[in-house]
Amino acid sequence: MSQVVQAYMEQEWNYYDMNLAKALEAVEQDDLEHASMYFQRISWALHSLAKHDYGNSNKSSISKV
């Protein structure tokens, strides 16, 4: 994995962490509108990270029996 991709992934994890903290704080304050916004940002970050997870790119999460 290139250094550029590693730096990008680190930035995305930081974005994930920041938004998770804000989402949990919003939930504690019963501000569900803002919590929803932060959880949506978290899903975008996870989607972005999944695109760069080369270790799982060819694996299926469901095993055939």
PDB file of N, CA and C in Angstrom:
ATOM      1  N   MET A   1       0.851  -1.172   0.000  1.00  0.00           N
ATOM      2  CA  MET A   1       0.000   0.000   0.000  1.00  0.00           C
ATOM      3  C   MET A   1       0.901   1.241   0.000  1.00  0.00           C
ATOM      4  N   SER A   2       0.588   2.173  -0.863  1.00  0.00           N
ATOM      5  CA  SER A   2       1.420   3.363  -0.985  1.00  0.00           C
ATOM      6  C   SER A   2       1.265   4.280   0.229  1.00  0.00           C
ATOM      7  N   GLN A   3       2.231   5.153   0.386  1.00  0.00           N
ATOM      8  CA  GLN A   3       2.187   6.099   1.504  1.00  0.00           C
ATOM      9  C   GLN A   3       1.016   7.062   1.368  1.00  0.00           C
ATOM     10  N   VAL A   4       0.662   7.394   0.139  1.00  0.00           N
ATOM     11  CA  VAL A   4      -0.467   8.301  -0.087  1.00  0.00           C
ATOM     12  C   VAL A   4      -1.761   7.651   0.392  1.00  0.00           C
ATOM     13  N   VAL A   5      -1.944   6.376   0.053  1.00  0.00           N
ATOM     14  CA  VAL A   5      -3.151   5.659   0.470  1.00  0.00           C
ATOM     15  C   VAL A   5      -3.165   5.501   1.986  1.00  0.00           C
ATOM     16  N   GLN A   6      -2.018   5.201   2.575  1.00  0.00           N
ATOM     17  CA  GLN A   6      -1.943   5.068   4.032  1.00  0.00           C
ATOM     18  C   GLN A   6      -2.297   6.382   4.721  1.00  0.00           C
ATOM     19  N   ALA A   7      -1.793   7.493   4.199  1.00  0.00           N
ATOM     20  CA  ALA A   7      -2.105   8.804   4.779  1.00  0.00           C
ATOM     21  C   ALA A   7      -3.594   9.107   4.630  1.00  0.00           C
ATOM     22  N   TYR A   8      -4.157   8.760   3.478  1.00  0.00           N
ATOM     23  CA  TYR A   8      -5.584   8.977   3.250  1.00  0.00           C
ATOM     24  C   TYR A   8      -6.413   8.154   4.228  1.00  0.00           C
ATOM     25  N   MET A   9      -6.034   6.896   4.417  1.00  0.00           N
ATOM     26  CA  MET A   9      -6.778   6.028   5.333  1.00  0.00           C
ATOM     27  C   MET A   9      -6.672   6.535   6.767  1.00  0.00           C
ATOM     28  N   GLU A  10      -5.506   7.008   7.155  1.00  0.00           N
ATOM     29  CA  GLU A  10      -5.350   7.567   8.505  1.00  0.00           C
ATOM     30  C   GLU A  10      -6.251   8.789   8.681  1.00  0.00           C
ATOM     31  N   GLN A  11      -6.318   9.625   7.650  1.00  0.00           N
ATOM     32  CA  GLN A  11      -7.186  10.802   7.692  1.00  0.00           C
ATOM     33  C   GLN A  11      -8.651  10.380   7.815  1.00  0.00           C
ATOM     34  N   GLU A  12      -9.057   9.349   7.086  1.00  0.00           N
ATOM     35  CA  GLU A  12     -10.435   8.869   7.156  1.00  0.00           C
ATOM     36  C   GLU A  12     -10.755   8.295   8.532  1.00  0.00           C
ATOM     37  N   TRP A  13      -9.800   7.572   9.149  1.00  0.00           N
ATOM     38  CA  TRP A  13     -10.030   7.043  10.500  1.00  0.00           C
ATOM     39  C   TRP A  13     -10.164   8.178  11.506  1.00  0.00           C
ATOM     40  N   ASN A  14      -9.371   9.233  11.336  1.00  0.00           N
ATOM     41  CA  ASN A  14      -9.494  10.401  12.219  1.00  0.00           C
ATOM     42  C   ASN A  14     -10.860  11.059  12.051  1.00  0.00           C
ATOM     43  N   TYR A  15     -11.330  11.145  10.807  1.00  0.00           N
ATOM     44  CA  TYR A  15     -12.656  11.700  10.508  1.00  0.00           C
ATOM     45  C   TYR A  15     -13.735  10.840  11.157  1.00  0.00           C
ATOM     46  N   TYR A  16     -13.558   9.516  11.071  1.00  0.00           N
ATOM     47  CA  TYR A  16     -14.488   8.573  11.698  1.00  0.00           C
ATOM     48  C   TYR A  16     -14.532   8.803  13.212  1.00  0.00           C
ATOM     49  N   ASP A  17     -13.366   8.852  13.837  1.00  0.00           N
ATOM     50  CA  ASP A  17     -13.287   9.033  15.295  1.00  0.00           C
ATOM     51  C   ASP A  17     -13.938  10.339  15.744  1.00  0.00           C
ATOM     52  N   MET A  18     -13.646  11.418  15.022  1.00  0.00           N
ATOM     53  CA  MET A  18     -14.198  12.721  15.382  1.00  0.00           C
ATOM     54  C   MET A  18     -15.728  12.704  15.282  1.00  0.00           C
ATOM     55  N   ASN A  19     -16.243  12.145  14.207  1.00  0.00           N
ATOM     56  CA  ASN A  19     -17.694  12.123  14.018  1.00  0.00           C
ATOM     57  C   ASN A  19     -18.379  11.159  14.972  1.00  0.00           C
ATOM     58  N   LEU A  20     -17.718  10.077  15.347  1.00  0.00           N
ATOM     59  CA  LEU A  20     -18.293   9.166  16.329  1.00  0.00           C
ATOM     60  C   LEU A  20     -18.435   9.867  17.678  1.00  0.00           C
ATOM     61  N   ALA A  21     -17.403  10.594  18.070  1.00  0.00           N
ATOM     62  CA  ALA A  21     -17.471  11.332  19.338  1.00  0.00           C
ATOM     63  C   ALA A  21     -18.606  12.358  19.310  1.00  0.00           C
ATOM     64  N   LYS A  22     -18.729  13.067  18.199  1.00  0.00           N
ATOM     65  CA  LYS A  22     -19.793  14.071  18.084  1.00  0.00           C
ATOM     66  C   LYS A  22     -21.173  13.418  18.052  1.00  0.00           C
ATOM     67  N   ALA A  23     -21.285  12.275  17.384  1.00  0.00           N
ATOM     68  CA  ALA A  23     -22.574  11.574  17.315  1.00  0.00           C
ATOM     69  C   ALA A  23     -23.004  11.109  18.697  1.00  0.00           C
ATOM     70  N   LEU A  24     -22.082  10.533  19.444  1.00  0.00           N
ATOM     71  CA  LEU A  24     -22.419  10.051  20.782  1.00  0.00           C
ATOM     72  C   LEU A  24     -22.788  11.208  21.710  1.00  0.00           C
ATOM     73  N   GLU A  25     -22.079  12.311  21.574  1.00  0.00           N
ATOM     74  CA  GLU A  25     -22.399  13.494  22.378  1.00  0.00           C
ATOM     75  C   GLU A  25     -23.797  14.013  22.024  1.00  0.00           C
ATOM     76  N   ALA A  26     -24.121  14.025  20.744  1.00  0.00           N
ATOM     77  CA  ALA A  26     -25.444  14.493  20.311  1.00  0.00           C
ATOM     78  C   ALA A  26     -26.545  13.570  20.833  1.00  0.00           C
ATOM     79  N   VAL A  27     -26.285  12.258  20.843  1.00  0.00           N
ATOM     80  CA  VAL A  27     -27.271  11.306  21.370  1.00  0.00           C
ATOM     81  C   VAL A  27     -27.488  11.559  22.859  1.00  0.00           C
ATOM     82  N   GLU A  28     -26.396  11.769  23.594  1.00  0.00           N
ATOM     83  CA  GLU A  28     -26.514  12.047  25.025  1.00  0.00           C
ATOM     84  C   GLU A  28     -27.333  13.306  25.291  1.00  0.00           C
ATOM     85  N   GLN A  29     -27.246  14.269  24.380  1.00  0.00           N
ATOM     86  CA  GLN A  29     -27.983  15.523  24.541  1.00  0.00           C
ATOM     87  C   GLN A  29     -29.375  15.444  23.916  1.00  0.00           C
ATOM     88  N   ASP A  30     -29.747  14.268  23.454  1.00  0.00           N
ATOM     89  CA  ASP A  30     -31.057  14.041  22.828  1.00  0.00           C
ATOM     90  C   ASP A  30     -31.246  14.876  21.560  1.00  0.00           C
ATOM     91  N   ASP A  31     -30.146  15.162  20.881  1.00  0.00           N
ATOM     92  CA  ASP A  31     -30.176  15.923  19.628  1.00  0.00           C
ATOM     93  C   ASP A  31     -30.037  14.928  18.475  1.00  0.00           C
ATOM     94  N   LEU A  32     -31.130  14.258  18.181  1.00  0.00           N
ATOM     95  CA  LEU A  32     -31.084  13.161  17.217  1.00  0.00           C
ATOM     96  C   LEU A  32     -30.878  13.635  15.784  1.00  0.00           C
ATOM     97  N   GLU A  33     -31.261  14.851  15.484  1.00  0.00           N
ATOM     98  CA  GLU A  33     -31.044  15.376  14.130  1.00  0.00           C
ATOM     99  C   GLU A  33     -29.548  15.476  13.826  1.00  0.00           C
ATOM    100  N   HIS A  34     -28.789  16.053  14.763  1.00  0.00           N
ATOM    101  CA  HIS A  34     -27.349  16.154  14.557  1.00  0.00           C
ATOM    102  C   HIS A  34     -26.678  14.783  14.668  1.00  0.00           C
ATOM    103  N   ALA A  35     -27.160  13.945  15.558  1.00  0.00           N
ATOM    104  CA  ALA A  35     -26.599  12.598  15.682  1.00  0.00           C
ATOM    105  C   ALA A  35     -26.729  11.853  14.361  1.00  0.00           C
ATOM    106  N   SER A  36     -27.884  11.967  13.724  1.00  0.00           N
ATOM    107  CA  SER A  36     -28.104  11.318  12.436  1.00  0.00           C
ATOM    108  C   SER A  36     -27.109  11.817  11.392  1.00  0.00           C
ATOM    109  N   MET A  37     -26.856  13.109  11.387  1.00  0.00           N
ATOM    110  CA  MET A  37     -25.904  13.693  10.444  1.00  0.00           C
ATOM    111  C   MET A  37     -24.502  13.119  10.669  1.00  0.00           C
ATOM    112  N   TYR A  38     -24.091  13.019  11.938  1.00  0.00           N
ATOM    113  CA  TYR A  38     -22.764  12.483  12.240  1.00  0.00           C
ATOM    114  C   TYR A  38     -22.669  10.996  11.895  1.00  0.00           C
ATOM    115  N   PHE A  39     -23.733  10.238  12.152  1.00  0.00           N
ATOM    116  CA  PHE A  39     -23.711   8.821  11.796  1.00  0.00           C
ATOM    117  C   PHE A  39     -23.657   8.639  10.282  1.00  0.00           C
ATOM    118  N   GLN A  40     -24.272   9.532   9.524  1.00  0.00           N
ATOM    119  CA  GLN A  40     -24.187   9.465   8.066  1.00  0.00           C
ATOM    120  C   GLN A  40     -22.746   9.713   7.621  1.00  0.00           C
ATOM    121  N   ARG A  41     -22.088  10.671   8.245  1.00  0.00           N
ATOM    122  CA  ARG A  41     -20.677  10.934   7.924  1.00  0.00           C
ATOM    123  C   ARG A  41     -19.809   9.723   8.255  1.00  0.00           C
ATOM    124  N   ILE A  42     -20.130   9.047   9.356  1.00  0.00           N
ATOM    125  CA  ILE A  42     -19.400   7.835   9.728  1.00  0.00           C
ATOM    126  C   ILE A  42     -19.567   6.777   8.647  1.00  0.00           C
ATOM    127  N   SER A  43     -20.775   6.608   8.143  1.00  0.00           N
ATOM    128  CA  SER A  43     -21.003   5.597   7.102  1.00  0.00           C
ATOM    129  C   SER A  43     -20.232   5.946   5.837  1.00  0.00           C
ATOM    130  N   TRP A  44     -20.141   7.237   5.498  1.00  0.00           N
ATOM    131  CA  TRP A  44     -19.355   7.638   4.335  1.00  0.00           C
ATOM    132  C   TRP A  44     -17.877   7.303   4.545  1.00  0.00           C
ATOM    133  N   ALA A  45     -17.366   7.566   5.736  1.00  0.00           N
ATOM    134  CA  ALA A  45     -15.962   7.269   6.030  1.00  0.00           C
ATOM    135  C   ALA A  45     -15.701   5.772   5.946  1.00  0.00           C
ATOM    136  N   LEU A  46     -16.600   4.963   6.503  1.00  0.00           N
ATOM    137  CA  LEU A  46     -16.418   3.511   6.445  1.00  0.00           C
ATOM    138  C   LEU A  46     -16.500   2.998   5.014  1.00  0.00           C
ATOM    139  N   HIS A  47     -17.396   3.559   4.219  1.00  0.00           N
ATOM    140  CA  HIS A  47     -17.498   3.174   2.812  1.00  0.00           C
ATOM    141  C   HIS A  47     -16.195   3.503   2.082  1.00  0.00           C
ATOM    142  N   SER A  48     -15.659   4.673   2.346  1.00  0.00           N
ATOM    143  CA  SER A  48     -14.408   5.090   1.731  1.00  0.00           C
ATOM    144  C   SER A  48     -13.258   4.180   2.154  1.00  0.00           C
ATOM    145  N   LEU A  49     -13.212   3.836   3.435  1.00  0.00           N
ATOM    146  CA  LEU A  49     -12.159   2.945   3.929  1.00  0.00           C
ATOM    147  C   LEU A  49     -12.285   1.553   3.330  1.00  0.00           C
ATOM    148  N   ALA A  50     -13.500   1.085   3.134  1.00  0.00           N
ATOM    149  CA  ALA A  50     -13.716  -0.251   2.577  1.00  0.00           C
ATOM    150  C   ALA A  50     -13.184  -0.342   1.149  1.00  0.00           C
ATOM    151  N   LYS A  51     -13.226   0.747   0.412  1.00  0.00           N
ATOM    152  CA  LYS A  51     -12.720   0.739  -0.962  1.00  0.00           C
ATOM    153  C   LYS A  51     -11.212   0.529  -0.994  1.00  0.00           C
ATOM    154  N   HIS A  52     -10.529   0.856   0.090  1.00  0.00           N
ATOM    155  CA  HIS A  52      -9.072   0.752   0.133  1.00  0.00           C
ATOM    156  C   HIS A  52      -8.591  -0.427   0.970  1.00  0.00           C
ATOM    157  N   ASP A  53      -9.496  -1.280   1.396  1.00  0.00           N
ATOM    158  CA  ASP A  53      -9.129  -2.461   2.183  1.00  0.00           C
ATOM    159  C   ASP A  53      -8.840  -3.602   1.220  1.00  0.00           C
ATOM    160  N   TYR A  54      -7.617  -3.616   0.683  1.00  0.00           N
ATOM    161  CA  TYR A  54      -7.257  -4.581  -0.343  1.00  0.00           C
ATOM    162  C   TYR A  54      -7.220  -6.011   0.174  1.00  0.00           C
ATOM    163  N   GLY A  55      -7.054  -6.188   1.464  1.00  0.00           N
ATOM    164  CA  GLY A  55      -7.001  -7.529   2.035  1.00  0.00           C
ATOM    165  C   GLY A  55      -8.312  -8.272   1.913  1.00  0.00           C
ATOM    166  N   ASN A  56      -9.426  -7.570   1.849  1.00  0.00           N
ATOM    167  CA  ASN A  56     -10.734  -8.211   1.777  1.00  0.00           C
ATOM    168  C   ASN A  56     -11.424  -8.004   0.440  1.00  0.00           C
ATOM    169  N   SER A  57     -10.724  -7.488  -0.552  1.00  0.00           N
ATOM    170  CA  SER A  57     -11.381  -7.116  -1.800  1.00  0.00           C
ATOM    171  C   SER A  57     -11.911  -8.307  -2.585  1.00  0.00           C
ATOM    172  N   ASN A  58     -11.281  -9.473  -2.467  1.00  0.00           N
ATOM    173  CA  ASN A  58     -11.719 -10.632  -3.240  1.00  0.00           C
ATOM    174  C   ASN A  58     -12.396 -11.688  -2.391  1.00  0.00           C
ATOM    175  N   LYS A  59     -12.670 -11.388  -1.147  1.00  0.00           N
ATOM    176  CA  LYS A  59     -13.269 -12.367  -0.249  1.00  0.00           C
ATOM    177  C   LYS A  59     -14.743 -12.079  -0.072  1.00  0.00           C
ATOM    178  N   SER A  60     -15.515 -13.124  -0.040  1.00  0.00           N
ATOM    179  CA  SER A  60     -16.942 -12.977   0.214  1.00  0.00           C
ATOM    180  C   SER A  60     -17.186 -13.135   1.701  1.00  0.00           C
ATOM    181  N   SER A  61     -18.133 -12.369   2.225  1.00  0.00           N
ATOM    182  CA  SER A  61     -18.440 -12.474   3.647  1.00  0.00           C
ATOM    183  C   SER A  61     -19.322 -13.678   3.935  1.00  0.00           C
ATOM    184  N   ILE A  62     -19.851 -14.299   2.885  1.00  0.00           N
ATOM    185  CA  ILE A  62     -20.701 -15.475   3.054  1.00  0.00           C
ATOM    186  C   ILE A  62     -19.977 -16.681   2.469  1.00  0.00           C
ATOM    187  N   SER A  63     -19.770 -17.675   3.290  1.00  0.00           N
ATOM    188  CA  SER A  63     -19.103 -18.891   2.827  1.00  0.00           C
ATOM    189  C   SER A  63     -20.113 -19.842   2.223  1.00  0.00           C
ATOM    190  N   LYS A  64     -19.701 -20.498   1.148  1.00  0.00           N
ATOM    191  CA  LYS A  64     -20.574 -21.503   0.537  1.00  0.00           C
ATOM    192  C   LYS A  64     -20.437 -22.801   1.303  1.00  0.00           C
ATOM    193  N   VAL A  65     -21.547 -23.490   1.485  1.00  0.00           N
ATOM    194  CA  VAL A  65     -21.552 -24.751   2.231  1.00  0.00           C
ATOM    195  C   VAL A  65     -21.498 -25.898   1.272  1.00  0.00           C
TER     196      VAL A  65
END
